[in-house]
Amino acid sequence: MVEQTSHSIEAIAEQTGFADRERMRRAFPRSFGQPPNGIRHNARVLA
């Protein structure tokens, strides 16, 4: 969703079960190596 939609990070966090944006932001580097905004930026640059 972060890469493929224009939904806000807050909306994505809510839709995917995170309590808030901050919790999602902290979880992303552990799983993906970078924060959600970094993933979104890279997806747009490579598109």
PDB file of N, CA and C in Angstrom:
ATOM      1  N   MET A   1       0.819  -1.193   0.000  1.00  0.00           N
ATOM      2  CA  MET A   1       0.000   0.000   0.000  1.00  0.00           C
ATOM      3  C   MET A   1       0.863   1.256   0.000  1.00  0.00           C
ATOM      4  N   VAL A   2       1.966   1.212   0.713  1.00  0.00           N
ATOM      5  CA  VAL A   2       2.827   2.390   0.779  1.00  0.00           C
ATOM      6  C   VAL A   2       3.357   2.725  -0.613  1.00  0.00           C
ATOM      7  N   GLU A   3       3.736   1.716  -1.353  1.00  0.00           N
ATOM      8  CA  GLU A   3       4.304   1.934  -2.690  1.00  0.00           C
ATOM      9  C   GLU A   3       3.250   2.216  -3.750  1.00  0.00           C
ATOM     10  N   GLN A   4       2.079   1.625  -3.633  1.00  0.00           N
ATOM     11  CA  GLN A   4       1.142   1.611  -4.748  1.00  0.00           C
ATOM     12  C   GLN A   4      -0.069   2.529  -4.603  1.00  0.00           C
ATOM     13  N   THR A   5      -0.214   3.230  -3.473  1.00  0.00           N
ATOM     14  CA  THR A   5      -1.364   4.118  -3.319  1.00  0.00           C
ATOM     15  C   THR A   5      -0.893   5.506  -2.927  1.00  0.00           C
ATOM     16  N   SER A   6      -1.794   6.441  -3.027  1.00  0.00           N
ATOM     17  CA  SER A   6      -1.488   7.796  -2.568  1.00  0.00           C
ATOM     18  C   SER A   6      -2.137   8.075  -1.220  1.00  0.00           C
ATOM     19  N   HIS A   7      -2.654   7.036  -0.572  1.00  0.00           N
ATOM     20  CA  HIS A   7      -3.236   7.201   0.764  1.00  0.00           C
ATOM     21  C   HIS A   7      -2.158   7.719   1.719  1.00  0.00           C
ATOM     22  N   SER A   8      -2.584   8.493   2.696  1.00  0.00           N
ATOM     23  CA  SER A   8      -1.631   9.002   3.675  1.00  0.00           C
ATOM     24  C   SER A   8      -1.059   7.841   4.494  1.00  0.00           C
ATOM     25  N   ILE A   9       0.115   8.083   5.052  1.00  0.00           N
ATOM     26  CA  ILE A   9       0.730   7.071   5.906  1.00  0.00           C
ATOM     27  C   ILE A   9      -0.175   6.791   7.104  1.00  0.00           C
ATOM     28  N   GLU A  10      -0.841   7.821   7.622  1.00  0.00           N
ATOM     29  CA  GLU A  10      -1.774   7.644   8.733  1.00  0.00           C
ATOM     30  C   GLU A  10      -2.911   6.688   8.353  1.00  0.00           C
ATOM     31  N   ALA A  11      -3.472   6.878   7.151  1.00  0.00           N
ATOM     32  CA  ALA A  11      -4.572   6.022   6.698  1.00  0.00           C
ATOM     33  C   ALA A  11      -4.093   4.586   6.503  1.00  0.00           C
ATOM     34  N   ILE A  12      -2.914   4.422   5.951  1.00  0.00           N
ATOM     35  CA  ILE A  12      -2.367   3.078   5.745  1.00  0.00           C
ATOM     36  C   ILE A  12      -2.122   2.400   7.090  1.00  0.00           C
ATOM     37  N   ALA A  13      -1.578   3.132   8.034  1.00  0.00           N
ATOM     38  CA  ALA A  13      -1.344   2.567   9.368  1.00  0.00           C
ATOM     39  C   ALA A  13      -2.651   2.073   9.971  1.00  0.00           C
ATOM     40  N   GLU A  14      -3.682   2.890   9.875  1.00  0.00           N
ATOM     41  CA  GLU A  14      -4.989   2.518  10.427  1.00  0.00           C
ATOM     42  C   GLU A  14      -5.563   1.295   9.720  1.00  0.00           C
ATOM     43  N   GLN A  15      -5.486   1.284   8.391  1.00  0.00           N
ATOM     44  CA  GLN A  15      -6.059   0.184   7.608  1.00  0.00           C
ATOM     45  C   GLN A  15      -5.319  -1.131   7.809  1.00  0.00           C
ATOM     46  N   THR A  16      -4.052  -1.061   8.196  1.00  0.00           N
ATOM     47  CA  THR A  16      -3.269  -2.281   8.358  1.00  0.00           C
ATOM     48  C   THR A  16      -3.111  -2.722   9.809  1.00  0.00           C
ATOM     49  N   GLY A  17      -3.836  -2.041  10.716  1.00  0.00           N
ATOM     50  CA  GLY A  17      -3.887  -2.524  12.086  1.00  0.00           C
ATOM     51  C   GLY A  17      -2.914  -1.903  13.062  1.00  0.00           C
ATOM     52  N   PHE A  18      -2.135  -0.918  12.644  1.00  0.00           N
ATOM     53  CA  PHE A  18      -1.250  -0.250  13.585  1.00  0.00           C
ATOM     54  C   PHE A  18      -2.063   0.723  14.430  1.00  0.00           C
ATOM     55  N   ALA A  19      -1.644   0.912  15.666  1.00  0.00           N
ATOM     56  CA  ALA A  19      -2.349   1.822  16.566  1.00  0.00           C
ATOM     57  C   ALA A  19      -2.238   3.268  16.080  1.00  0.00           C
ATOM     58  N   ASP A  20      -1.100   3.603  15.473  1.00  0.00           N
ATOM     59  CA  ASP A  20      -0.906   4.949  14.948  1.00  0.00           C
ATOM     60  C   ASP A  20       0.277   4.962  13.991  1.00  0.00           C
ATOM     61  N   ARG A  21       0.475   6.094  13.357  1.00  0.00           N
ATOM     62  CA  ARG A  21       1.543   6.244  12.364  1.00  0.00           C
ATOM     63  C   ARG A  21       2.919   5.977  12.977  1.00  0.00           C
ATOM     64  N   GLU A  22       3.141   6.450  14.182  1.00  0.00           N
ATOM     65  CA  GLU A  22       4.444   6.311  14.826  1.00  0.00           C
ATOM     66  C   GLU A  22       4.809   4.850  15.044  1.00  0.00           C
ATOM     67  N   ARG A  23       3.867   4.045  15.439  1.00  0.00           N
ATOM     68  CA  ARG A  23       4.157   2.616  15.632  1.00  0.00           C
ATOM     69  C   ARG A  23       4.508   1.944  14.306  1.00  0.00           C
ATOM     70  N   MET A  24       3.808   2.329  13.254  1.00  0.00           N
ATOM     71  CA  MET A  24       4.131   1.774  11.937  1.00  0.00           C
ATOM     72  C   MET A  24       5.514   2.246  11.494  1.00  0.00           C
ATOM     73  N   ARG A  25       5.805   3.525  11.718  1.00  0.00           N
ATOM     74  CA  ARG A  25       7.098   4.075  11.323  1.00  0.00           C
ATOM     75  C   ARG A  25       8.243   3.350  12.027  1.00  0.00           C
ATOM     76  N   ARG A  26       8.047   2.992  13.284  1.00  0.00           N
ATOM     77  CA  ARG A  26       9.093   2.281  14.018  1.00  0.00           C
ATOM     78  C   ARG A  26       9.219   0.824  13.595  1.00  0.00           C
ATOM     79  N   ALA A  27       8.135   0.215  13.156  1.00  0.00           N
ATOM     80  CA  ALA A  27       8.169  -1.194  12.753  1.00  0.00           C
ATOM     81  C   ALA A  27       8.801  -1.387  11.373  1.00  0.00           C
ATOM     82  N   PHE A  28       8.632  -0.425  10.486  1.00  0.00           N
ATOM     83  CA  PHE A  28       9.104  -0.587   9.118  1.00  0.00           C
ATOM     84  C   PHE A  28      10.606  -0.837   8.996  1.00  0.00           C
ATOM     85  N   PRO A  29      11.463  -0.072   9.655  1.00  0.00           N
ATOM     86  CA  PRO A  29      12.901  -0.347   9.503  1.00  0.00           C
ATOM     87  C   PRO A  29      13.302  -1.752   9.938  1.00  0.00           C
ATOM     88  N   ARG A  30      12.614  -2.281  10.937  1.00  0.00           N
ATOM     89  CA  ARG A  30      12.919  -3.650  11.377  1.00  0.00           C
ATOM     90  C   ARG A  30      12.584  -4.663  10.293  1.00  0.00           C
ATOM     91  N   SER A  31      11.503  -4.420   9.553  1.00  0.00           N
ATOM     92  CA  SER A  31      11.061  -5.377   8.542  1.00  0.00           C
ATOM     93  C   SER A  31      11.600  -5.074   7.149  1.00  0.00           C
ATOM     94  N   PHE A  32      11.703  -3.789   6.809  1.00  0.00           N
ATOM     95  CA  PHE A  32      12.024  -3.401   5.437  1.00  0.00           C
ATOM     96  C   PHE A  32      13.317  -2.608   5.293  1.00  0.00           C
ATOM     97  N   GLY A  33      13.963  -2.266   6.403  1.00  0.00           N
ATOM     98  CA  GLY A  33      15.234  -1.567   6.338  1.00  0.00           C
ATOM     99  C   GLY A  33      15.137  -0.063   6.168  1.00  0.00           C
ATOM    100  N   GLN A  34      13.934   0.476   6.084  1.00  0.00           N
ATOM    101  CA  GLN A  34      13.751   1.921   5.963  1.00  0.00           C
ATOM    102  C   GLN A  34      12.329   2.294   6.368  1.00  0.00           C
ATOM    103  N   PRO A  35      12.105   3.573   6.676  1.00  0.00           N
ATOM    104  CA  PRO A  35      10.769   3.996   7.087  1.00  0.00           C
ATOM    105  C   PRO A  35       9.795   4.020   5.916  1.00  0.00           C
ATOM    106  N   PRO A  36       8.488   4.072   6.192  1.00  0.00           N
ATOM    107  CA  PRO A  36       7.488   4.062   5.130  1.00  0.00           C
ATOM    108  C   PRO A  36       7.684   5.168   4.088  1.00  0.00           C
ATOM    109  N   ASN A  37       8.035   6.377   4.539  1.00  0.00           N
ATOM    110  CA  ASN A  37       8.231   7.459   3.581  1.00  0.00           C
ATOM    111  C   ASN A  37       9.408   7.184   2.647  1.00  0.00           C
ATOM    112  N   GLY A  38      10.433   6.525   3.134  1.00  0.00           N
ATOM    113  CA  GLY A  38      11.569   6.159   2.296  1.00  0.00           C
ATOM    114  C   GLY A  38      11.170   5.152   1.230  1.00  0.00           C
ATOM    115  N   ILE A  39      10.367   4.194   1.612  1.00  0.00           N
ATOM    116  CA  ILE A  39       9.886   3.200   0.655  1.00  0.00           C
ATOM    117  C   ILE A  39       9.014   3.863  -0.396  1.00  0.00           C
ATOM    118  N   ARG A  40       8.140   4.751   0.032  1.00  0.00           N
ATOM    119  CA  ARG A  40       7.263   5.457  -0.905  1.00  0.00           C
ATOM    120  C   ARG A  40       8.087   6.306  -1.878  1.00  0.00           C
ATOM    121  N   HIS A  41       9.053   7.011  -1.362  1.00  0.00           N
ATOM    122  CA  HIS A  41       9.909   7.858  -2.198  1.00  0.00           C
ATOM    123  C   HIS A  41      10.647   7.018  -3.243  1.00  0.00           C
ATOM    124  N   ASN A  42      11.259   5.932  -2.803  1.00  0.00           N
ATOM    125  CA  ASN A  42      12.010   5.067  -3.722  1.00  0.00           C
ATOM    126  C   ASN A  42      11.097   4.479  -4.799  1.00  0.00           C
ATOM    127  N   ALA A  43       9.873   4.117  -4.447  1.00  0.00           N
ATOM    128  CA  ALA A  43       8.949   3.553  -5.427  1.00  0.00           C
ATOM    129  C   ALA A  43       8.606   4.598  -6.494  1.00  0.00           C
ATOM    130  N   ARG A  44       8.461   5.831  -6.088  1.00  0.00           N
ATOM    131  CA  ARG A  44       8.124   6.890  -7.059  1.00  0.00           C
ATOM    132  C   ARG A  44       9.312   7.235  -7.926  1.00  0.00           C
ATOM    133  N   VAL A  45      10.508   7.224  -7.379  1.00  0.00           N
ATOM    134  CA  VAL A  45      11.712   7.538  -8.144  1.00  0.00           C
ATOM    135  C   VAL A  45      11.950   6.464  -9.196  1.00  0.00           C
ATOM    136  N   LEU A  46      11.734   5.215  -8.836  1.00  0.00           N
ATOM    137  CA  LEU A  46      11.979   4.102  -9.758  1.00  0.00           C
ATOM    138  C   LEU A  46      10.879   3.902 -10.771  1.00  0.00           C
ATOM    139  N   ALA A  47       9.725   4.505 -10.547  1.00  0.00           N
ATOM    140  CA  ALA A  47       8.582   4.317 -11.456  1.00  0.00           C
ATOM    141  C   ALA A  47       8.777   5.059 -12.760  1.00  0.00           C
TER     142      ALA A  47
END
